[in-house]
Amino acid sequence: MLSTQVIGEFVTATVRKGRLSFPDAAIRAGYFMNALPVVLILPSTIRRAFEVKHRYGFSYYDSLIVATALENGCTRIYSEDMHGSQAIDTLTIINPFVGI
């Protein structure tokens, strides 16, 4: 699944880093949204993100990704930004680039 936040971060990061033009990033985001369920960030998600940030020390935006995943029953997050192989409740954070 994807959160609305992750879609926005994908577009922003790929355009800022010069990997894609904005129109191309928007097209790719559309492909992701067609392929995967998209979930919204709710007030309960924000409150849970505050708890995750306090407990684990992630940035607020990473905490929001974790909270969204937890609320939606995800068991894994793939991220190069967060601490790889860390477990948070029923969720495991995996850095897909470790060992490459």
PDB file of N, CA and C in Angstrom:
ATOM      1  N   MET A   1       0.834  -1.176   0.000  1.00  0.00           N
ATOM      2  CA  MET A   1       0.000   0.000   0.000  1.00  0.00           C
ATOM      3  C   MET A   1       0.879   1.240   0.000  1.00  0.00           C
ATOM      4  N   LEU A   2       0.317   2.318  -0.391  1.00  0.00           N
ATOM      5  CA  LEU A   2       1.002   3.613  -0.394  1.00  0.00           C
ATOM      6  C   LEU A   2       0.160   4.612   0.380  1.00  0.00           C
ATOM      7  N   SER A   3       0.834   5.474   1.107  1.00  0.00           N
ATOM      8  CA  SER A   3       0.104   6.575   1.724  1.00  0.00           C
ATOM      9  C   SER A   3       0.177   7.781   0.792  1.00  0.00           C
ATOM     10  N   THR A   4      -0.741   8.690   0.974  1.00  0.00           N
ATOM     11  CA  THR A   4      -0.711   9.913   0.177  1.00  0.00           C
ATOM     12  C   THR A   4       0.602  10.662   0.405  1.00  0.00           C
ATOM     13  N   GLN A   5       1.150  10.574   1.595  1.00  0.00           N
ATOM     14  CA  GLN A   5       2.428  11.216   1.904  1.00  0.00           C
ATOM     15  C   GLN A   5       3.564  10.634   1.057  1.00  0.00           C
ATOM     16  N   VAL A   6       3.612   9.304   0.945  1.00  0.00           N
ATOM     17  CA  VAL A   6       4.690   8.652   0.203  1.00  0.00           C
ATOM     18  C   VAL A   6       4.627   9.034  -1.273  1.00  0.00           C
ATOM     19  N   ILE A   7       3.437   9.146  -1.815  1.00  0.00           N
ATOM     20  CA  ILE A   7       3.294   9.560  -3.209  1.00  0.00           C
ATOM     21  C   ILE A   7       3.874  10.963  -3.394  1.00  0.00           C
ATOM     22  N   GLY A   8       3.527  11.864  -2.492  1.00  0.00           N
ATOM     23  CA  GLY A   8       4.063  13.225  -2.563  1.00  0.00           C
ATOM     24  C   GLY A   8       5.570  13.268  -2.402  1.00  0.00           C
ATOM     25  N   GLU A   9       6.104  12.466  -1.486  1.00  0.00           N
ATOM     26  CA  GLU A   9       7.554  12.423  -1.284  1.00  0.00           C
ATOM     27  C   GLU A   9       8.264  11.859  -2.500  1.00  0.00           C
ATOM     28  N   PHE A  10       7.678  10.856  -3.145  1.00  0.00           N
ATOM     29  CA  PHE A  10       8.268  10.294  -4.362  1.00  0.00           C
ATOM     30  C   PHE A  10       8.392  11.364  -5.443  1.00  0.00           C
ATOM     31  N   VAL A  11       7.301  12.081  -5.695  1.00  0.00           N
ATOM     32  CA  VAL A  11       7.318  13.114  -6.729  1.00  0.00           C
ATOM     33  C   VAL A  11       8.333  14.199  -6.381  1.00  0.00           C
ATOM     34  N   THR A  12       8.304  14.685  -5.153  1.00  0.00           N
ATOM     35  CA  THR A  12       9.217  15.746  -4.737  1.00  0.00           C
ATOM     36  C   THR A  12      10.669  15.317  -4.841  1.00  0.00           C
ATOM     37  N   ALA A  13      10.997  14.131  -4.354  1.00  0.00           N
ATOM     38  CA  ALA A  13      12.392  13.675  -4.339  1.00  0.00           C
ATOM     39  C   ALA A  13      12.918  13.415  -5.740  1.00  0.00           C
ATOM     40  N   THR A  14      12.129  12.771  -6.595  1.00  0.00           N
ATOM     41  CA  THR A  14      12.635  12.465  -7.934  1.00  0.00           C
ATOM     42  C   THR A  14      12.816  13.717  -8.778  1.00  0.00           C
ATOM     43  N   VAL A  15      11.954  14.690  -8.607  1.00  0.00           N
ATOM     44  CA  VAL A  15      12.098  15.950  -9.352  1.00  0.00           C
ATOM     45  C   VAL A  15      13.259  16.757  -8.790  1.00  0.00           C
ATOM     46  N   ARG A  16      13.344  16.877  -7.458  1.00  0.00           N
ATOM     47  CA  ARG A  16      14.418  17.662  -6.826  1.00  0.00           C
ATOM     48  C   ARG A  16      15.793  17.103  -7.165  1.00  0.00           C
ATOM     49  N   LYS A  17      15.919  15.782  -7.207  1.00  0.00           N
ATOM     50  CA  LYS A  17      17.213  15.155  -7.498  1.00  0.00           C
ATOM     51  C   LYS A  17      17.502  15.069  -8.997  1.00  0.00           C
ATOM     52  N   GLY A  18      16.580  15.567  -9.813  1.00  0.00           N
ATOM     53  CA  GLY A  18      16.786  15.586 -11.254  1.00  0.00           C
ATOM     54  C   GLY A  18      16.637  14.229 -11.922  1.00  0.00           C
ATOM     55  N   ARG A  19      16.009  13.282 -11.241  1.00  0.00           N
ATOM     56  CA  ARG A  19      15.845  11.936 -11.812  1.00  0.00           C
ATOM     57  C   ARG A  19      14.683  11.881 -12.804  1.00  0.00           C
ATOM     58  N   LEU A  20      13.649  12.683 -12.538  1.00  0.00           N
ATOM     59  CA  LEU A  20      12.487  12.734 -13.417  1.00  0.00           C
ATOM     60  C   LEU A  20      12.017  14.176 -13.542  1.00  0.00           C
ATOM     61  N   SER A  21      11.413  14.488 -14.673  1.00  0.00           N
ATOM     62  CA  SER A  21      10.727  15.775 -14.792  1.00  0.00           C
ATOM     63  C   SER A  21       9.432  15.657 -13.995  1.00  0.00           C
ATOM     64  N   PHE A  22       8.819  16.791 -13.675  1.00  0.00           N
ATOM     65  CA  PHE A  22       7.564  16.728 -12.938  1.00  0.00           C
ATOM     66  C   PHE A  22       6.498  15.933 -13.687  1.00  0.00           C
ATOM     67  N   PRO A  23       6.311  16.175 -15.004  1.00  0.00           N
ATOM     68  CA  PRO A  23       5.291  15.370 -15.696  1.00  0.00           C
ATOM     69  C   PRO A  23       5.572  13.866 -15.642  1.00  0.00           C
ATOM     70  N   ASP A  24       6.850  13.478 -15.777  1.00  0.00           N
ATOM     71  CA  ASP A  24       7.189  12.050 -15.710  1.00  0.00           C
ATOM     72  C   ASP A  24       6.968  11.494 -14.304  1.00  0.00           C
ATOM     73  N   ALA A  25       7.316  12.275 -13.291  1.00  0.00           N
ATOM     74  CA  ALA A  25       7.099  11.829 -11.907  1.00  0.00           C
ATOM     75  C   ALA A  25       5.602  11.664 -11.638  1.00  0.00           C
ATOM     76  N   ALA A  26       4.798  12.563 -12.149  1.00  0.00           N
ATOM     77  CA  ALA A  26       3.347  12.468 -11.962  1.00  0.00           C
ATOM     78  C   ALA A  26       2.788  11.235 -12.669  1.00  0.00           C
ATOM     79  N   ILE A  27       3.315  10.923 -13.844  1.00  0.00           N
ATOM     80  CA  ILE A  27       2.871   9.721 -14.561  1.00  0.00           C
ATOM     81  C   ILE A  27       3.235   8.476 -13.768  1.00  0.00           C
ATOM     82  N   ARG A  28       4.469   8.417 -13.275  1.00  0.00           N
ATOM     83  CA  ARG A  28       4.892   7.254 -12.478  1.00  0.00           C
ATOM     84  C   ARG A  28       4.066   7.136 -11.198  1.00  0.00           C
ATOM     85  N   ALA A  29       3.799   8.261 -10.559  1.00  0.00           N
ATOM     86  CA  ALA A  29       2.959   8.230  -9.353  1.00  0.00           C
ATOM     87  C   ALA A  29       1.586   7.659  -9.693  1.00  0.00           C
ATOM     88  N   GLY A  30       1.069   8.026 -10.860  1.00  0.00           N
ATOM     89  CA  GLY A  30      -0.209   7.480 -11.304  1.00  0.00           C
ATOM     90  C   GLY A  30      -0.158   5.969 -11.481  1.00  0.00           C
ATOM     91  N   TYR A  31       0.962   5.458 -12.015  1.00  0.00           N
ATOM     92  CA  TYR A  31       1.119   4.001 -12.145  1.00  0.00           C
ATOM     93  C   TYR A  31       1.079   3.334 -10.777  1.00  0.00           C
ATOM     94  N   PHE A  32       1.808   3.915  -9.818  1.00  0.00           N
ATOM     95  CA  PHE A  32       1.821   3.347  -8.462  1.00  0.00           C
ATOM     96  C   PHE A  32       0.420   3.349  -7.865  1.00  0.00           C
ATOM     97  N   MET A  33      -0.295   4.465  -8.051  1.00  0.00           N
ATOM     98  CA  MET A  33      -1.640   4.572  -7.473  1.00  0.00           C
ATOM     99  C   MET A  33      -2.615   3.598  -8.118  1.00  0.00           C
ATOM    100  N   ASN A  34      -2.388   3.253  -9.376  1.00  0.00           N
ATOM    101  CA  ASN A  34      -3.242   2.264 -10.037  1.00  0.00           C
ATOM    102  C   ASN A  34      -2.897   0.842  -9.610  1.00  0.00           C
ATOM    103  N   ALA A  35      -1.648   0.612  -9.222  1.00  0.00           N
ATOM    104  CA  ALA A  35      -1.189  -0.733  -8.897  1.00  0.00           C
ATOM    105  C   ALA A  35      -1.393  -1.108  -7.430  1.00  0.00           C
ATOM    106  N   LEU A  36      -1.419  -0.107  -6.557  1.00  0.00           N
ATOM    107  CA  LEU A  36      -1.456  -0.369  -5.116  1.00  0.00           C
ATOM    108  C   LEU A  36      -2.577   0.415  -4.447  1.00  0.00           C
ATOM    109  N   PRO A  37      -3.090  -0.108  -3.337  1.00  0.00           N
ATOM    110  CA  PRO A  37      -4.086   0.662  -2.588  1.00  0.00           C
ATOM    111  C   PRO A  37      -3.447   1.927  -2.001  1.00  0.00           C
ATOM    112  N   VAL A  38      -4.166   3.019  -2.043  1.00  0.00           N
ATOM    113  CA  VAL A  38      -3.701   4.294  -1.487  1.00  0.00           C
ATOM    114  C   VAL A  38      -4.513   4.584  -0.234  1.00  0.00           C
ATOM    115  N   VAL A  39      -3.801   4.898   0.859  1.00  0.00           N
ATOM    116  CA  VAL A  39      -4.481   5.202   2.116  1.00  0.00           C
ATOM    117  C   VAL A  39      -4.234   6.660   2.506  1.00  0.00           C
ATOM    118  N   LEU A  40      -5.222   7.212   3.157  1.00  0.00           N
ATOM    119  CA  LEU A  40      -5.157   8.600   3.601  1.00  0.00           C
ATOM    120  C   LEU A  40      -4.552   8.695   4.995  1.00  0.00           C
ATOM    121  N   ILE A  41      -3.998   9.841   5.282  1.00  0.00           N
ATOM    122  CA  ILE A  41      -3.503  10.139   6.619  1.00  0.00           C
ATOM    123  C   ILE A  41      -4.658  10.784   7.389  1.00  0.00           C
ATOM    124  N   LEU A  42      -5.020  10.170   8.485  1.00  0.00           N
ATOM    125  CA  LEU A  42      -6.147  10.622   9.297  1.00  0.00           C
ATOM    126  C   LEU A  42      -5.637  11.269  10.587  1.00  0.00           C
ATOM    127  N   PRO A  43      -6.491  11.968  11.317  1.00  0.00           N
ATOM    128  CA  PRO A  43      -6.064  12.516  12.606  1.00  0.00           C
ATOM    129  C   PRO A  43      -5.493  11.444  13.541  1.00  0.00           C
ATOM    130  N   SER A  44      -6.074  10.252  13.521  1.00  0.00           N
ATOM    131  CA  SER A  44      -5.552   9.167  14.364  1.00  0.00           C
ATOM    132  C   SER A  44      -4.129   8.781  13.938  1.00  0.00           C
ATOM    133  N   THR A  45      -3.852   8.874  12.643  1.00  0.00           N
ATOM    134  CA  THR A  45      -2.516   8.566  12.131  1.00  0.00           C
ATOM    135  C   THR A  45      -1.508   9.579  12.658  1.00  0.00           C
ATOM    136  N   ILE A  46      -1.893  10.825  12.672  1.00  0.00           N
ATOM    137  CA  ILE A  46      -1.011  11.890  13.153  1.00  0.00           C
ATOM    138  C   ILE A  46      -0.716  11.689  14.638  1.00  0.00           C
ATOM    139  N   ARG A  47      -1.741  11.371  15.412  1.00  0.00           N
ATOM    140  CA  ARG A  47      -1.514  11.122  16.843  1.00  0.00           C
ATOM    141  C   ARG A  47      -0.579   9.933  17.058  1.00  0.00           C
ATOM    142  N   ARG A  48      -0.761   8.893  16.265  1.00  0.00           N
ATOM    143  CA  ARG A  48       0.122   7.727  16.387  1.00  0.00           C
ATOM    144  C   ARG A  48       1.545   8.083  15.956  1.00  0.00           C
ATOM    145  N   ALA A  49       1.691   8.943  14.964  1.00  0.00           N
ATOM    146  CA  ALA A  49       3.016   9.394  14.529  1.00  0.00           C
ATOM    147  C   ALA A  49       3.731  10.129  15.656  1.00  0.00           C
ATOM    148  N   PHE A  50       2.999  10.918  16.425  1.00  0.00           N
ATOM    149  CA  PHE A  50       3.602  11.590  17.578  1.00  0.00           C
ATOM    150  C   PHE A  50       4.166  10.563  18.558  1.00  0.00           C
ATOM    151  N   GLU A  51       3.399   9.500  18.792  1.00  0.00           N
ATOM    152  CA  GLU A  51       3.855   8.439  19.706  1.00  0.00           C
ATOM    153  C   GLU A  51       5.097   7.740  19.161  1.00  0.00           C
ATOM    154  N   VAL A  52       5.106   7.446  17.862  1.00  0.00           N
ATOM    155  CA  VAL A  52       6.259   6.775  17.241  1.00  0.00           C
ATOM    156  C   VAL A  52       7.494   7.665  17.330  1.00  0.00           C
ATOM    157  N   LYS A  53       7.317   8.947  17.043  1.00  0.00           N
ATOM    158  CA  LYS A  53       8.452   9.873  17.113  1.00  0.00           C
ATOM    159  C   LYS A  53       9.010   9.926  18.526  1.00  0.00           C
ATOM    160  N   HIS A  54       8.143  10.026  19.500  1.00  0.00           N
ATOM    161  CA  HIS A  54       8.585  10.100  20.893  1.00  0.00           C
ATOM    162  C   HIS A  54       9.306   8.818  21.310  1.00  0.00           C
ATOM    163  N   ARG A  55       8.763   7.692  20.923  1.00  0.00           N
ATOM    164  CA  ARG A  55       9.317   6.407  21.363  1.00  0.00           C
ATOM    165  C   ARG A  55      10.596   6.007  20.628  1.00  0.00           C
ATOM    166  N   TYR A  56      10.667   6.282  19.304  1.00  0.00           N
ATOM    167  CA  TYR A  56      11.781   5.775  18.500  1.00  0.00           C
ATOM    168  C   TYR A  56      12.725   6.860  17.981  1.00  0.00           C
ATOM    169  N   GLY A  57      12.318   8.117  18.064  1.00  0.00           N
ATOM    170  CA  GLY A  57      13.204   9.212  17.668  1.00  0.00           C
ATOM    171  C   GLY A  57      13.325   9.449  16.171  1.00  0.00           C
ATOM    172  N   PHE A  58      12.413   8.874  15.379  1.00  0.00           N
ATOM    173  CA  PHE A  58      12.426   9.147  13.942  1.00  0.00           C
ATOM    174  C   PHE A  58      12.018  10.594  13.694  1.00  0.00           C
ATOM    175  N   SER A  59      12.289  11.084  12.492  1.00  0.00           N
ATOM    176  CA  SER A  59      11.756  12.384  12.106  1.00  0.00           C
ATOM    177  C   SER A  59      10.231  12.279  12.106  1.00  0.00           C
ATOM    178  N   TYR A  60       9.568  13.418  12.155  1.00  0.00           N
ATOM    179  CA  TYR A  60       8.103  13.389  12.162  1.00  0.00           C
ATOM    180  C   TYR A  60       7.576  12.694  10.908  1.00  0.00           C
ATOM    181  N   TYR A  61       8.145  13.024   9.744  1.00  0.00           N
ATOM    182  CA  TYR A  61       7.617  12.460   8.508  1.00  0.00           C
ATOM    183  C   TYR A  61       7.861  10.957   8.409  1.00  0.00           C
ATOM    184  N   ASP A  62       8.995  10.470   8.881  1.00  0.00           N
ATOM    185  CA  ASP A  62       9.218   9.022   8.931  1.00  0.00           C
ATOM    186  C   ASP A  62       8.263   8.375   9.938  1.00  0.00           C
ATOM    187  N   SER A  63       8.023   9.046  11.046  1.00  0.00           N
ATOM    188  CA  SER A  63       7.070   8.537  12.036  1.00  0.00           C
ATOM    189  C   SER A  63       5.670   8.444  11.455  1.00  0.00           C
ATOM    190  N   LEU A  64       5.326   9.378  10.589  1.00  0.00           N
ATOM    191  CA  LEU A  64       4.017   9.361   9.944  1.00  0.00           C
ATOM    192  C   LEU A  64       3.904   8.171   8.984  1.00  0.00           C
ATOM    193  N   ILE A  65       4.978   7.847   8.290  1.00  0.00           N
ATOM    194  CA  ILE A  65       4.979   6.668   7.416  1.00  0.00           C
ATOM    195  C   ILE A  65       4.796   5.406   8.256  1.00  0.00           C
ATOM    196  N   VAL A  66       5.531   5.306   9.347  1.00  0.00           N
ATOM    197  CA  VAL A  66       5.417   4.143  10.236  1.00  0.00           C
ATOM    198  C   VAL A  66       3.999   4.049  10.791  1.00  0.00           C
ATOM    199  N   ALA A  67       3.451   5.148  11.273  1.00  0.00           N
ATOM    200  CA  ALA A  67       2.102   5.146  11.842  1.00  0.00           C
ATOM    201  C   ALA A  67       1.068   4.731  10.804  1.00  0.00           C
ATOM    202  N   THR A  68       1.209   5.211   9.593  1.00  0.00           N
ATOM    203  CA  THR A  68       0.281   4.847   8.525  1.00  0.00           C
ATOM    204  C   THR A  68       0.354   3.350   8.245  1.00  0.00           C
ATOM    205  N   ALA A  69       1.567   2.831   8.197  1.00  0.00           N
ATOM    206  CA  ALA A  69       1.747   1.393   7.956  1.00  0.00           C
ATOM    207  C   ALA A  69       1.123   0.563   9.083  1.00  0.00           C
ATOM    208  N   LEU A  70       1.373   0.979  10.306  1.00  0.00           N
ATOM    209  CA  LEU A  70       0.815   0.250  11.451  1.00  0.00           C
ATOM    210  C   LEU A  70      -0.716   0.270  11.428  1.00  0.00           C
ATOM    211  N   GLU A  71      -1.292   1.424  11.167  1.00  0.00           N
ATOM    212  CA  GLU A  71      -2.756   1.536  11.143  1.00  0.00           C
ATOM    213  C   GLU A  71      -3.396   0.696  10.051  1.00  0.00           C
ATOM    214  N   ASN A  72      -2.623   0.398   9.006  1.00  0.00           N
ATOM    215  CA  ASN A  72      -3.189  -0.323   7.872  1.00  0.00           C
ATOM    216  C   ASN A  72      -2.723  -1.775   7.790  1.00  0.00           C
ATOM    217  N   GLY A  73      -2.147  -2.274   8.895  1.00  0.00           N
ATOM    218  CA  GLY A  73      -1.804  -3.686   8.984  1.00  0.00           C
ATOM    219  C   GLY A  73      -0.595  -4.137   8.190  1.00  0.00           C
ATOM    220  N   CYS A  74       0.256  -3.218   7.817  1.00  0.00           N
ATOM    221  CA  CYS A  74       1.470  -3.599   7.089  1.00  0.00           C
ATOM    222  C   CYS A  74       2.449  -4.297   8.034  1.00  0.00           C
ATOM    223  N   THR A  75       3.236  -5.192   7.490  1.00  0.00           N
ATOM    224  CA  THR A  75       4.244  -5.889   8.290  1.00  0.00           C
ATOM    225  C   THR A  75       5.657  -5.485   7.919  1.00  0.00           C
ATOM    226  N   ARG A  76       5.829  -4.792   6.777  1.00  0.00           N
ATOM    227  CA  ARG A  76       7.160  -4.358   6.336  1.00  0.00           C
ATOM    228  C   ARG A  76       7.091  -2.976   5.714  1.00  0.00           C
ATOM    229  N   ILE A  77       8.163  -2.218   5.936  1.00  0.00           N
ATOM    230  CA  ILE A  77       8.392  -0.957   5.223  1.00  0.00           C
ATOM    231  C   ILE A  77       9.772  -1.077   4.612  1.00  0.00           C
ATOM    232  N   TYR A  78       9.894  -0.695   3.352  1.00  0.00           N
ATOM    233  CA  TYR A  78      11.197  -0.638   2.697  1.00  0.00           C
ATOM    234  C   TYR A  78      11.594   0.829   2.608  1.00  0.00           C
ATOM    235  N   SER A  79      12.729   1.160   3.241  1.00  0.00           N
ATOM    236  CA  SER A  79      13.171   2.554   3.289  1.00  0.00           C
ATOM    237  C   SER A  79      14.672   2.632   3.427  1.00  0.00           C
ATOM    238  N   GLU A  80      15.273   3.538   2.669  1.00  0.00           N
ATOM    239  CA  GLU A  80      16.704   3.777   2.838  1.00  0.00           C
ATOM    240  C   GLU A  80      16.967   4.812   3.932  1.00  0.00           C
ATOM    241  N   ASP A  81      15.937   5.509   4.376  1.00  0.00           N
ATOM    242  CA  ASP A  81      16.098   6.590   5.346  1.00  0.00           C
ATOM    243  C   ASP A  81      16.040   6.142   6.798  1.00  0.00           C
ATOM    244  N   MET A  82      15.267   5.115   7.087  1.00  0.00           N
ATOM    245  CA  MET A  82      15.072   4.696   8.473  1.00  0.00           C
ATOM    246  C   MET A  82      16.073   3.600   8.839  1.00  0.00           C
ATOM    247  N   HIS A  83      16.129   3.279  10.113  1.00  0.00           N
ATOM    248  CA  HIS A  83      17.041   2.253  10.604  1.00  0.00           C
ATOM    249  C   HIS A  83      16.598   0.893  10.081  1.00  0.00           C
ATOM    250  N   GLY A  84      17.410   0.275   9.221  1.00  0.00           N
ATOM    251  CA  GLY A  84      17.070  -1.017   8.652  1.00  0.00           C
ATOM    252  C   GLY A  84      17.024  -2.116   9.697  1.00  0.00           C
ATOM    253  N   SER A  85      16.190  -3.108   9.458  1.00  0.00           N
ATOM    254  CA  SER A  85      16.020  -4.284  10.318  1.00  0.00           C
ATOM    255  C   SER A  85      15.538  -3.936  11.726  1.00  0.00           C
ATOM    256  N   GLN A  86      14.818  -2.843  11.865  1.00  0.00           N
ATOM    257  CA  GLN A  86      14.259  -2.481  13.161  1.00  0.00           C
ATOM    258  C   GLN A  86      12.811  -2.914  13.215  1.00  0.00           C
ATOM    259  N   ALA A  87      12.399  -3.451  14.344  1.00  0.00           N
ATOM    260  CA  ALA A  87      11.007  -3.868  14.530  1.00  0.00           C
ATOM    261  C   ALA A  87      10.277  -2.851  15.387  1.00  0.00           C
ATOM    262  N   ILE A  88       9.086  -2.487  14.944  1.00  0.00           N
ATOM    263  CA  ILE A  88       8.204  -1.591  15.684  1.00  0.00           C
ATOM    264  C   ILE A  88       6.855  -2.272  15.737  1.00  0.00           C
ATOM    265  N   ASP A  89       6.501  -2.758  16.900  1.00  0.00           N
ATOM    266  CA  ASP A  89       5.273  -3.549  17.072  1.00  0.00           C
ATOM    267  C   ASP A  89       5.304  -4.715  16.078  1.00  0.00           C
ATOM    268  N   THR A  90       4.360  -4.757  15.147  1.00  0.00           N
ATOM    269  CA  THR A  90       4.290  -5.854  14.180  1.00  0.00           C
ATOM    270  C   THR A  90       4.962  -5.507  12.854  1.00  0.00           C
ATOM    271  N   LEU A  91       5.669  -4.399  12.822  1.00  0.00           N
ATOM    272  CA  LEU A  91       6.243  -3.844  11.589  1.00  0.00           C
ATOM    273  C   LEU A  91       7.765  -3.979  11.590  1.00  0.00           C
ATOM    274  N   THR A  92       8.344  -4.390  10.463  1.00  0.00           N
ATOM    275  CA  THR A  92       9.792  -4.437  10.317  1.00  0.00           C
ATOM    276  C   THR A  92      10.208  -3.448   9.245  1.00  0.00           C
ATOM    277  N   ILE A  93      11.219  -2.629   9.540  1.00  0.00           N
ATOM    278  CA  ILE A  93      11.768  -1.688   8.576  1.00  0.00           C
ATOM    279  C   ILE A  93      12.962  -2.355   7.915  1.00  0.00           C
ATOM    280  N   ILE A  94      12.944  -2.373   6.591  1.00  0.00           N
ATOM    281  CA  ILE A  94      13.994  -3.031   5.812  1.00  0.00           C
ATOM    282  C   ILE A  94      14.633  -2.007   4.880  1.00  0.00           C
ATOM    283  N   ASN A  95      15.955  -1.894   4.935  1.00  0.00           N
ATOM    284  CA  ASN A  95      16.672  -1.067   3.973  1.00  0.00           C
ATOM    285  C   ASN A  95      17.038  -1.959   2.794  1.00  0.00           C
ATOM    286  N   PRO A  96      16.417  -1.746   1.633  1.00  0.00           N
ATOM    287  CA  PRO A  96      16.656  -2.638   0.499  1.00  0.00           C
ATOM    288  C   PRO A  96      18.056  -2.471  -0.105  1.00  0.00           C
ATOM    289  N   PHE A  97      18.789  -1.458   0.323  1.00  0.00           N
ATOM    290  CA  PHE A  97      20.097  -1.192  -0.264  1.00  0.00           C
ATOM    291  C   PHE A  97      21.253  -1.702   0.591  1.00  0.00           C
ATOM    292  N   VAL A  98      20.960  -2.250   1.750  1.00  0.00           N
ATOM    293  CA  VAL A  98      22.019  -2.801   2.603  1.00  0.00           C
ATOM    294  C   VAL A  98      22.593  -4.033   1.924  1.00  0.00           C
ATOM    295  N   GLY A  99      23.897  -4.061   1.838  1.00  0.00           N
ATOM    296  CA  GLY A  99      24.570  -5.196   1.234  1.00  0.00           C
ATOM    297  C   GLY A  99      24.783  -5.058  -0.266  1.00  0.00           C
ATOM    298  N   ILE A 100      24.382  -3.942  -0.836  1.00  0.00           N
ATOM    299  CA  ILE A 100      24.599  -3.746  -2.281  1.00  0.00           C
ATOM    300  C   ILE A 100      25.932  -3.082  -2.508  1.00  0.00           C
TER     301      ILE A 100
END
